[in-house]
Protein backbone atom coordinates (compact mmCIF):
# COMPACT_ATOMS: atom_id res chain seq x y z
CA MET A 1 -69.94 -41.88 9.61
CA LYS A 2 -70.00 -40.18 6.32
CA LYS A 3 -66.70 -38.76 5.30
CA ARG A 4 -66.64 -35.25 4.06
CA TYR A 5 -64.15 -34.10 1.53
CA LEU A 6 -63.16 -30.48 1.36
CA VAL A 7 -62.39 -29.11 -2.06
CA TYR A 8 -60.18 -26.09 -2.18
CA THR A 9 -60.51 -23.85 -5.18
CA LEU A 10 -58.00 -21.11 -5.86
CA THR A 11 -59.84 -17.97 -6.88
CA LEU A 12 -59.02 -15.14 -9.34
CA GLY A 13 -59.73 -17.69 -12.07
CA LEU A 14 -56.11 -18.87 -11.89
CA ALA A 15 -54.49 -21.92 -10.38
CA PHE A 16 -51.67 -20.07 -8.68
CA VAL A 17 -49.32 -22.30 -6.75
CA ALA A 18 -46.38 -21.71 -4.45
CA ALA A 19 -44.07 -24.14 -6.23
CA PRO A 20 -42.77 -21.70 -8.86
CA MET A 21 -41.86 -19.13 -6.20
CA THR A 22 -40.12 -21.78 -4.09
CA ALA A 23 -38.08 -22.87 -7.09
CA VAL A 24 -37.06 -19.32 -7.94
CA ARG A 25 -36.05 -18.63 -4.34
CA ALA A 26 -33.91 -21.76 -4.30
CA GLN A 27 -32.25 -20.76 -7.58
CA ALA A 28 -31.55 -17.26 -6.29
CA GLN A 29 -30.01 -18.57 -3.08
CA GLU A 30 -27.87 -21.07 -4.98
CA ALA A 31 -26.74 -18.43 -7.47
CA SER A 32 -25.74 -16.04 -4.68
CA THR A 33 -23.04 -18.48 -3.56
CA GLN A 34 -21.23 -17.84 -6.82
CA VAL A 35 -20.44 -14.27 -5.78
CA SER A 36 -17.14 -13.86 -3.95
CA ALA A 37 -17.08 -12.68 -0.36
CA ASP A 38 -15.28 -9.50 -1.36
CA LEU A 39 -17.81 -8.64 -4.06
CA THR A 40 -20.69 -9.47 -1.73
CA SER A 41 -19.28 -7.01 0.79
CA GLN A 42 -19.06 -4.32 -1.87
CA ILE A 43 -22.66 -4.94 -2.92
CA GLN A 44 -23.96 -4.89 0.64
CA ALA A 45 -22.05 -1.72 1.46
CA ALA A 46 -23.39 0.08 -1.61
CA ALA A 47 -26.94 -1.12 -0.99
CA THR A 48 -26.89 -0.15 2.68
CA ALA A 49 -25.66 3.31 1.70
CA GLY A 50 -28.33 3.55 -0.97
CA ASP A 51 -25.65 4.08 -3.62
CA THR A 52 -27.56 3.00 -6.72
CA GLN A 53 -24.88 4.21 -9.11
CA ALA A 54 -22.24 2.11 -7.37
CA LEU A 55 -24.43 -0.98 -7.70
CA ALA A 56 -24.99 -0.28 -11.39
CA GLN A 57 -21.23 0.06 -11.83
CA ILE A 58 -20.60 -3.22 -10.03
CA ALA A 59 -23.13 -4.91 -12.31
CA LYS A 60 -21.58 -3.39 -15.42
CA ASP A 61 -18.17 -4.62 -14.31
CA ASN A 62 -19.59 -8.10 -13.53
CA PRO A 63 -22.38 -8.59 -16.09
CA THR A 64 -22.66 -12.36 -15.68
CA LEU A 65 -23.54 -11.83 -12.01
CA ALA A 66 -26.21 -9.18 -12.59
CA ALA A 67 -29.09 -11.19 -11.10
CA GLN A 68 -27.12 -12.17 -8.02
CA ILE A 69 -25.91 -8.60 -7.50
CA ALA A 70 -29.46 -7.26 -7.63
CA SER A 71 -30.73 -9.99 -5.30
CA ILE A 72 -28.04 -9.37 -2.68
CA ALA A 73 -28.65 -5.62 -2.88
CA ALA A 74 -32.40 -6.08 -2.46
CA GLU A 75 -31.94 -8.25 0.60
CA SER A 76 -29.53 -5.70 2.06
CA ASN A 77 -31.91 -2.76 1.62
CA ALA A 78 -35.44 -3.87 0.76
CA SER A 79 -36.79 -0.32 0.70
CA LEU A 80 -34.79 0.38 -2.47
CA ALA A 81 -35.10 -3.07 -4.04
CA SER A 82 -37.02 -1.83 -7.09
CA THR A 83 -34.59 1.00 -7.77
CA PHE A 84 -31.62 -1.35 -7.43
CA ALA A 85 -33.26 -3.85 -9.77
CA ALA A 86 -33.87 -1.16 -12.38
CA ALA A 87 -30.31 0.16 -12.13
CA VAL A 88 -28.73 -3.26 -12.51
CA ALA A 89 -31.07 -4.17 -15.37
CA ALA A 90 -30.30 -0.90 -17.14
CA ALA A 91 -26.59 -1.56 -16.71
CA VAL A 92 -26.95 -5.11 -18.09
CA PRO A 93 -30.10 -5.08 -20.29
CA SER A 94 -29.64 -8.65 -21.49
CA SER A 95 -30.19 -9.82 -17.91
CA ALA A 96 -33.30 -7.71 -17.23
CA ALA A 97 -35.68 -10.66 -16.81
CA ALA A 98 -33.25 -12.60 -14.62
CA VAL A 99 -32.67 -9.52 -12.47
CA ALA A 100 -36.41 -8.91 -12.05
CA GLY A 101 -37.10 -12.54 -11.17
CA ALA A 102 -34.24 -12.74 -8.68
CA VAL A 103 -35.29 -9.58 -6.87
CA ALA A 104 -38.99 -10.50 -6.90
CA ALA A 105 -38.06 -13.78 -5.23
CA VAL A 106 -36.59 -12.06 -2.18
CA VAL A 107 -39.03 -9.18 -1.61
CA SER A 108 -42.53 -9.22 -0.18
CA PRO A 109 -45.43 -10.08 -2.52
CA ALA A 110 -46.63 -6.48 -2.31
CA GLN A 111 -43.38 -5.30 -3.90
CA ALA A 112 -43.43 -7.73 -6.83
CA ALA A 113 -45.40 -5.54 -9.23
CA VAL A 114 -43.28 -2.51 -8.32
CA VAL A 115 -40.11 -4.47 -9.12
CA ALA A 116 -41.56 -5.64 -12.44
CA THR A 117 -42.66 -2.15 -13.41
CA ALA A 118 -39.33 -0.59 -12.43
CA VAL A 119 -37.30 -3.04 -14.50
CA ALA A 120 -39.71 -2.83 -17.44
CA THR A 121 -39.45 0.97 -17.32
CA ALA A 122 -35.65 0.74 -17.39
CA VAL A 123 -35.60 -1.88 -20.16
CA PRO A 124 -38.95 -1.58 -22.01
CA ASP A 125 -37.95 -4.01 -24.76
CA ALA A 126 -37.85 -6.74 -22.12
CA ALA A 127 -41.24 -5.89 -20.57
CA ALA A 128 -42.91 -9.20 -21.40
CA SER A 129 -40.06 -11.39 -20.18
CA VAL A 130 -39.67 -9.25 -17.07
CA ALA A 131 -43.36 -9.59 -16.21
CA SER A 132 -43.19 -13.33 -16.81
CA ALA A 133 -40.17 -13.74 -14.54
CA VAL A 134 -41.78 -11.79 -11.71
CA ALA A 135 -45.07 -13.67 -12.07
CA THR A 136 -43.13 -16.93 -11.83
CA ALA A 137 -41.45 -15.73 -8.64
CA GLN A 138 -44.67 -14.39 -7.11
CA PRO A 139 -47.58 -16.18 -8.85
CA SER A 140 -50.24 -14.78 -6.51
CA GLN A 141 -49.37 -11.32 -7.82
CA ALA A 142 -49.64 -12.22 -11.51
CA PRO A 143 -52.75 -10.11 -12.26
CA VAL A 144 -51.29 -7.04 -10.54
CA VAL A 145 -47.97 -7.52 -12.32
CA ALA A 146 -49.69 -7.80 -15.70
CA VAL A 147 -51.73 -4.63 -15.18
CA ALA A 148 -48.84 -2.59 -13.78
CA VAL A 149 -46.33 -3.52 -16.46
CA SER A 150 -48.90 -3.08 -19.22
CA SER A 151 -49.64 0.40 -17.91
CA ALA A 152 -45.96 1.31 -17.77
CA VAL A 153 -45.20 -0.07 -21.24
CA PRO A 154 -48.50 0.07 -23.18
CA SER A 155 -46.91 -1.04 -26.45
CA ALA A 156 -46.06 -4.39 -24.85
CA SER A 157 -49.46 -4.97 -23.23
CA ALA A 158 -50.54 -7.92 -25.38
CA SER A 159 -47.24 -9.75 -25.03
CA VAL A 160 -47.15 -9.02 -21.29
CA VAL A 161 -50.57 -10.61 -20.76
CA SER A 162 -49.76 -13.71 -22.80
CA SER A 163 -46.35 -14.13 -21.14
CA VAL A 164 -47.72 -13.79 -17.62
CA ALA A 165 -50.59 -16.17 -18.39
CA ALA A 166 -48.13 -18.76 -19.64
CA ALA A 167 -45.90 -18.26 -16.60
CA VAL A 168 -48.68 -19.13 -14.16
CA GLY A 169 -50.30 -21.79 -16.31
CA THR A 170 -53.59 -20.14 -17.20
CA SER A 171 -55.26 -18.62 -20.25
CA SER A 172 -55.04 -15.00 -21.29
CA VAL A 173 -58.82 -14.73 -20.94
CA ALA A 174 -58.75 -15.95 -17.33
CA LEU A 175 -55.88 -13.62 -16.51
CA GLN A 176 -57.66 -10.64 -18.06
CA THR A 177 -60.73 -11.43 -15.97
CA ALA A 178 -58.59 -11.32 -12.84
CA MET A 179 -56.90 -8.13 -14.04
CA ALA A 180 -60.28 -6.39 -14.23
CA SER A 181 -60.88 -6.78 -10.50
CA PRO A 182 -61.17 -3.39 -8.73
CA ALA A 183 -58.73 -4.55 -6.05
CA VAL A 184 -56.19 -5.59 -8.66
CA GLN A 185 -56.63 -2.32 -10.56
CA ALA A 186 -56.08 -0.29 -7.39
CA ALA A 187 -52.96 -2.24 -6.39
CA ALA A 188 -51.58 -2.02 -9.92
CA SER A 189 -52.11 1.73 -10.06
CA THR A 190 -50.03 2.20 -6.94
CA ALA A 191 -47.38 -0.20 -8.22
CA THR A 192 -47.17 1.55 -11.57
CA THR A 193 -46.56 4.95 -10.01
CA ALA A 194 -43.88 3.66 -7.67
CA GLY A 195 -42.32 1.39 -10.27
CA VAL A 196 -42.00 4.03 -12.98
CA ALA A 197 -40.34 6.39 -10.51
CA ALA A 198 -37.93 3.68 -9.37
CA GLY A 199 -37.24 2.69 -12.96
CA ASN A 200 -36.35 6.23 -13.98
CA THR A 201 -34.09 6.67 -10.97
CA GLY A 202 -32.34 3.39 -11.65
CA SER A 203 -31.90 4.19 -15.33
CA THR A 204 -30.34 7.55 -14.51
CA ALA A 205 -27.91 5.91 -12.11
CA ALA A 206 -26.90 3.30 -14.69
CA ALA A 207 -26.38 6.00 -17.32
CA SER A 208 -23.87 7.68 -15.01
CA THR A 209 -21.60 4.64 -14.85
CA THR A 210 -18.47 4.25 -16.89
CA THR A 211 -17.17 1.51 -19.14
CA THR A 212 -13.59 0.44 -18.58
CA THR A 213 -11.51 0.96 -21.71
CA THR A 214 -7.85 0.51 -22.60
CA THR A 215 -6.07 3.79 -23.31
CA ASN A 216 -3.25 3.95 -25.83
CA THR A 217 -0.34 5.58 -23.99
CA ASN A 218 2.09 5.47 -26.90
CA THR A 219 3.49 9.01 -27.07
CA SER A 220 6.15 8.41 -29.73
CA THR A 221 6.36 11.16 -32.35
CA ASN A 222 5.81 10.46 -36.02
CA THR A 223 8.71 12.18 -37.83
CA THR A 224 7.90 11.03 -41.34
CA LYS A 225 6.25 14.23 -42.49
CA ASN A 226 8.56 16.67 -40.69
CA PRO A 227 12.07 15.18 -40.33
CA VAL A 228 14.48 16.94 -38.01
CA LEU A 229 17.44 18.15 -40.13
CA PRO A 230 21.00 18.21 -38.82
CA PRO A 231 22.44 21.62 -37.93
CA ASN A 232 23.51 23.81 -40.93
CA SER A 233 21.70 21.50 -43.41
CA PRO A 234 19.83 23.26 -46.24
CA ALA A 235 16.09 23.10 -45.91
CA LYS A 236 14.50 20.63 -48.29
CA THR A 237 12.25 22.22 -50.88
CA ASN A 238 9.65 20.85 -53.26
CA ASN A 239 12.25 21.11 -56.06
CA GLY A 240 14.64 18.87 -54.20
């Protein structure tokens, strides 16, 4: 009997695979173990309460754990995942891409472009790396991510497309073909609107946080210019 071989071709002109997302999820789960139980409780409490400013403050106080903080918060309250991601990224801009990737790895595929747009809105200079990180976490959403982030940060459009294409292992031309799809355009439009709103909210929350500083409490009086004279002593004059 003749054997038949089935050939499966991934559409959208891109060879999207699940491996990158699996790897990112594993990294996010491993990284989350580095957060102490006490800090995890603080993050979960703030996220459950929807306290975006508190999360931004926690991130600012623990900048090396920004991605883990955002990931834990997103898992604790998925409905505000994009806002949390934007707030944490705005509080720790150098970790914007890591934050976006970590959050994208724990939300549904439909939320990926919103997360990317929110973080890119909060930290526009990192738009390309943010889009790349999210596309790596959710490769099936790469075209939507590219369109949404490009719409939110038009000045970074070219770099966003090239970065996302590289992240999913395809060419910029193939990605742009997928981006032109009516379905992709419609999904990206919705994601852009929601992401920009979340990004602005997160940025505002981060701007309201404080930076811990050391205050000089030395209250000693400098008596050099105005010495205290003993009782009944003649006042010193410029003529001596």
